[in-house]
N, C-alpha and C. Protein backbone atom coordinates (compact mmCIF):
# COMPACT_ATOMS: atom_id res chain seq x y z
N MET A 1 159.06 7.60 -18.84
CA MET A 1 157.80 7.00 -19.00
C MET A 1 157.74 5.60 -18.39
N ALA A 2 158.82 4.97 -18.21
CA ALA A 2 158.87 3.66 -17.52
C ALA A 2 158.49 3.74 -16.08
N ILE A 3 158.95 4.78 -15.44
CA ILE A 3 158.62 5.03 -13.92
C ILE A 3 157.15 5.27 -13.82
N LEU A 4 156.59 6.08 -14.72
CA LEU A 4 155.14 6.32 -14.66
C LEU A 4 154.31 5.03 -14.84
N ARG A 5 154.76 4.17 -15.88
CA ARG A 5 154.01 2.94 -16.00
C ARG A 5 154.18 2.15 -14.79
N GLN A 6 155.27 2.03 -14.19
CA GLN A 6 155.50 1.34 -13.01
C GLN A 6 154.62 1.81 -11.81
N MET A 7 154.53 3.12 -11.68
CA MET A 7 153.73 3.70 -10.67
C MET A 7 152.33 3.44 -10.90
N ASN A 8 151.83 3.58 -12.22
CA ASN A 8 150.40 3.24 -12.55
C ASN A 8 150.10 1.82 -12.30
N ALA A 9 151.10 0.88 -12.41
CA ALA A 9 150.86 -0.49 -12.23
C ALA A 9 150.79 -0.72 -10.65
N ILE A 10 151.52 -0.08 -9.80
CA ILE A 10 151.45 -0.20 -8.38
C ILE A 10 150.11 0.36 -7.91
N VAL A 11 149.67 1.58 -8.41
CA VAL A 11 148.39 2.08 -8.04
C VAL A 11 147.31 1.20 -8.43
N GLY A 12 147.41 0.66 -9.73
CA GLY A 12 146.27 -0.16 -10.18
C GLY A 12 146.20 -1.50 -9.37
N ARG A 13 147.29 -1.97 -8.92
CA ARG A 13 147.23 -3.26 -8.08
C ARG A 13 146.56 -2.91 -6.70
N ASN A 14 146.75 -1.65 -6.23
CA ASN A 14 146.29 -1.34 -4.93
C ASN A 14 145.14 -0.24 -4.88
N LEU A 15 144.42 -0.26 -6.09
CA LEU A 15 143.34 0.74 -6.28
C LEU A 15 142.45 0.94 -5.14
N ARG A 16 141.76 -0.23 -4.69
CA ARG A 16 140.78 -0.05 -3.69
C ARG A 16 141.31 0.40 -2.37
N ALA A 17 142.49 0.00 -2.02
CA ALA A 17 143.19 0.43 -0.73
C ALA A 17 143.47 1.98 -0.80
N ILE A 18 144.04 2.38 -1.95
CA ILE A 18 144.36 3.76 -2.14
C ILE A 18 143.18 4.65 -2.08
N GLU A 19 142.06 4.14 -2.75
CA GLU A 19 140.80 4.96 -2.66
C GLU A 19 140.30 5.02 -1.25
N MET A 20 140.38 3.97 -0.52
CA MET A 20 139.78 4.02 0.86
C MET A 20 140.60 4.95 1.72
N VAL A 21 141.93 4.91 1.54
CA VAL A 21 142.76 5.88 2.32
C VAL A 21 142.50 7.34 1.86
N GLY A 22 142.23 7.48 0.62
CA GLY A 22 141.91 8.87 0.20
C GLY A 22 140.62 9.35 0.72
N VAL A 23 139.63 8.48 0.73
CA VAL A 23 138.26 8.84 1.29
C VAL A 23 138.34 9.15 2.66
N LEU A 24 139.05 8.30 3.43
CA LEU A 24 139.23 8.50 4.85
C LEU A 24 139.94 9.79 5.20
N MET A 25 141.10 10.04 4.30
CA MET A 25 141.79 11.43 4.53
C MET A 25 140.73 12.63 4.34
N ARG A 26 139.88 12.51 3.31
CA ARG A 26 138.83 13.55 3.06
C ARG A 26 138.00 13.78 4.15
N ILE A 27 137.44 12.61 4.61
CA ILE A 27 136.56 12.68 5.84
C ILE A 27 137.28 13.34 7.06
N PHE A 28 138.50 12.92 7.29
CA PHE A 28 139.21 13.42 8.42
C PHE A 28 139.43 15.00 8.29
N SER A 29 139.88 15.38 7.08
CA SER A 29 140.19 16.83 6.91
C SER A 29 138.97 17.67 7.14
N PHE A 30 137.83 17.27 6.54
CA PHE A 30 136.63 18.03 6.74
C PHE A 30 135.98 18.02 8.10
N SER A 31 136.18 16.74 8.79
CA SER A 31 135.76 16.58 10.19
C SER A 31 136.58 17.54 11.13
N LEU A 32 137.78 17.73 10.84
CA LEU A 32 138.63 18.57 11.60
C LEU A 32 138.20 20.07 11.51
N VAL A 33 137.95 20.50 10.32
CA VAL A 33 137.43 21.85 10.20
C VAL A 33 136.06 21.95 10.90
N SER A 34 135.17 21.02 10.76
CA SER A 34 133.81 20.98 11.41
C SER A 34 134.07 21.07 12.90
N TRP A 35 134.98 20.28 13.52
CA TRP A 35 135.18 20.26 14.92
C TRP A 35 135.74 21.45 15.43
N LEU A 36 136.85 21.89 14.78
CA LEU A 36 137.58 23.00 15.29
C LEU A 36 137.26 24.43 14.88
N GLY A 37 136.39 24.53 13.83
CA GLY A 37 136.04 25.79 13.22
C GLY A 37 137.19 26.74 13.02
N PRO A 38 137.07 27.94 13.47
CA PRO A 38 138.17 28.89 13.11
C PRO A 38 139.45 28.52 13.68
N ASP A 39 139.59 27.66 14.66
CA ASP A 39 140.85 27.27 15.20
C ASP A 39 141.47 26.23 14.45
N SER A 40 140.95 25.74 13.30
CA SER A 40 141.44 24.67 12.42
C SER A 40 142.82 25.08 11.93
N PRO A 41 143.75 24.11 11.71
CA PRO A 41 145.07 24.38 11.07
C PRO A 41 144.77 24.28 9.63
N PHE A 42 144.27 25.38 9.01
CA PHE A 42 143.83 25.34 7.60
C PHE A 42 144.80 25.06 6.59
N LEU A 43 146.04 25.48 6.77
CA LEU A 43 147.14 25.11 5.82
C LEU A 43 147.31 23.60 5.73
N PHE A 44 147.40 22.95 7.00
CA PHE A 44 147.49 21.55 7.07
C PHE A 44 146.31 20.85 6.45
N VAL A 45 145.03 21.29 6.70
CA VAL A 45 143.80 20.75 6.15
C VAL A 45 143.86 20.77 4.64
N TRP A 46 144.25 21.99 4.15
CA TRP A 46 144.23 22.09 2.66
C TRP A 46 145.30 21.21 2.03
N ALA A 47 146.43 21.10 2.60
CA ALA A 47 147.52 20.28 2.06
C ALA A 47 147.11 18.76 2.21
N PHE A 48 146.56 18.48 3.23
CA PHE A 48 146.08 17.06 3.47
C PHE A 48 145.05 16.72 2.46
N ASN A 49 144.08 17.66 2.25
CA ASN A 49 142.93 17.52 1.34
C ASN A 49 143.41 17.41 -0.15
N THR A 50 144.51 18.14 -0.50
CA THR A 50 145.17 18.14 -1.80
C THR A 50 145.74 16.83 -2.07
N VAL A 51 146.43 16.27 -1.00
CA VAL A 51 147.05 14.91 -1.22
C VAL A 51 146.01 13.95 -1.54
N ASP A 52 144.92 13.89 -0.76
CA ASP A 52 143.86 12.89 -0.98
C ASP A 52 143.22 13.17 -2.34
N ALA A 53 143.14 14.39 -2.84
CA ALA A 53 142.59 14.66 -4.09
C ALA A 53 143.43 14.09 -5.30
N VAL A 54 144.85 14.20 -5.10
CA VAL A 54 145.73 13.64 -6.02
C VAL A 54 145.56 12.11 -6.05
N MET A 55 145.52 11.50 -4.87
CA MET A 55 145.29 9.95 -4.85
C MET A 55 143.97 9.56 -5.57
N LEU A 56 142.91 10.25 -5.17
CA LEU A 56 141.58 9.82 -5.76
C LEU A 56 141.58 10.17 -7.27
N SER A 57 142.21 11.26 -7.66
CA SER A 57 142.30 11.59 -9.22
C SER A 57 142.98 10.53 -9.88
N TRP A 58 144.11 10.21 -9.32
CA TRP A 58 144.92 9.04 -10.05
C TRP A 58 144.12 7.83 -10.21
N CYS A 59 143.47 7.46 -9.07
CA CYS A 59 142.63 6.25 -9.21
C CYS A 59 141.45 6.40 -10.15
N ALA A 60 140.79 7.48 -10.13
CA ALA A 60 139.65 7.71 -11.09
C ALA A 60 140.21 7.69 -12.57
N ILE A 61 141.27 8.27 -12.74
CA ILE A 61 141.85 8.29 -14.09
C ILE A 61 142.26 6.96 -14.54
N LEU A 62 142.85 6.14 -13.82
CA LEU A 62 143.15 4.73 -14.17
C LEU A 62 141.92 3.88 -14.20
N ARG A 63 140.90 4.21 -13.56
CA ARG A 63 139.55 3.57 -13.70
C ARG A 63 138.85 4.02 -15.00
N LYS A 64 139.31 5.08 -15.59
CA LYS A 64 138.68 5.76 -16.68
C LYS A 64 137.32 6.20 -16.38
N ASP A 65 137.20 6.78 -15.09
CA ASP A 65 135.92 7.26 -14.61
C ASP A 65 135.87 8.80 -14.76
N LEU A 66 135.39 9.32 -15.82
CA LEU A 66 135.53 10.78 -16.18
C LEU A 66 134.88 11.68 -15.19
N ALA A 67 133.70 11.22 -14.57
CA ALA A 67 133.02 12.09 -13.56
C ALA A 67 133.91 12.40 -12.37
N TYR A 68 134.44 11.25 -11.82
CA TYR A 68 135.20 11.38 -10.58
C TYR A 68 136.62 12.00 -10.93
N SER A 69 137.11 11.83 -12.08
CA SER A 69 138.42 12.36 -12.53
C SER A 69 138.18 13.95 -12.49
N ILE A 70 137.15 14.42 -13.11
CA ILE A 70 136.88 15.90 -13.12
C ILE A 70 136.73 16.39 -11.72
N LEU A 71 135.86 15.74 -10.89
CA LEU A 71 135.66 16.13 -9.48
C LEU A 71 136.87 16.21 -8.71
N ASN A 72 137.68 15.19 -8.82
CA ASN A 72 138.88 15.24 -7.99
C ASN A 72 140.05 16.04 -8.50
N VAL A 73 140.10 16.23 -9.84
CA VAL A 73 141.08 17.19 -10.36
C VAL A 73 140.67 18.64 -9.84
N PHE A 74 139.31 18.92 -9.97
CA PHE A 74 138.79 20.15 -9.34
C PHE A 74 139.28 20.41 -7.90
N TRP A 75 139.21 19.34 -7.15
CA TRP A 75 139.65 19.45 -5.73
C TRP A 75 141.11 19.74 -5.52
N ILE A 76 141.93 19.29 -6.52
CA ILE A 76 143.31 19.55 -6.50
C ILE A 76 143.43 21.14 -6.61
N GLY A 77 142.71 21.74 -7.59
CA GLY A 77 142.82 23.20 -7.83
C GLY A 77 142.31 23.94 -6.62
N VAL A 78 141.17 23.38 -5.99
CA VAL A 78 140.70 24.14 -4.76
C VAL A 78 141.70 24.07 -3.66
N GLY A 79 142.30 22.82 -3.58
CA GLY A 79 143.37 22.69 -2.45
C GLY A 79 144.54 23.66 -2.63
N VAL A 80 144.98 23.77 -3.90
CA VAL A 80 146.15 24.67 -4.14
C VAL A 80 145.73 26.18 -3.79
N VAL A 81 144.49 26.59 -4.17
CA VAL A 81 144.05 27.84 -3.82
C VAL A 81 143.87 28.05 -2.29
N GLY A 82 143.33 26.94 -1.62
CA GLY A 82 143.18 27.00 -0.16
C GLY A 82 144.52 27.15 0.46
N MET A 83 145.51 26.34 -0.05
CA MET A 83 146.88 26.41 0.59
C MET A 83 147.61 27.84 0.43
N LEU A 84 147.31 28.46 -0.76
CA LEU A 84 147.88 29.77 -0.99
C LEU A 84 147.16 30.75 0.00
N ARG A 85 145.77 30.69 0.08
CA ARG A 85 145.16 31.64 1.02
C ARG A 85 145.50 31.34 2.46
N ALA A 86 145.52 30.01 2.88
CA ALA A 86 145.92 29.73 4.25
C ALA A 86 147.38 30.18 4.64
N GLY A 87 148.24 30.13 3.62
CA GLY A 87 149.60 30.41 3.77
C GLY A 87 149.88 31.99 3.67
N GLY A 88 148.87 32.69 3.44
CA GLY A 88 148.97 34.15 3.35
C GLY A 88 149.63 34.61 1.93
N PHE A 89 149.55 33.80 0.97
CA PHE A 89 150.11 34.21 -0.26
C PHE A 89 149.24 34.90 -1.29
N SER A 90 147.94 35.03 -0.82
CA SER A 90 147.01 35.86 -1.66
C SER A 90 146.08 36.52 -0.64
N HIS A 91 145.44 37.60 -1.32
CA HIS A 91 144.48 38.29 -0.40
C HIS A 91 143.04 37.90 -0.69
């Protein structure tokens, strides 16, 4: 628990920067799909998108922002499904 408290403190001190990086990651991943279409590296895009969803979820939870917490936790689930499909692990 001490490690989690320390990590929360670090994220809390850098909340705005982490959120900005997460938002820029999200914009980049969806722009890549938009530009490349079917030639997109979908596994990379979904993995990248899932990382930004974790970052944004963590920030929203620390802010106690229920709407954005739900939205970004949902995106983590979407990302996991996307990675499984892009990796050929499901049909």
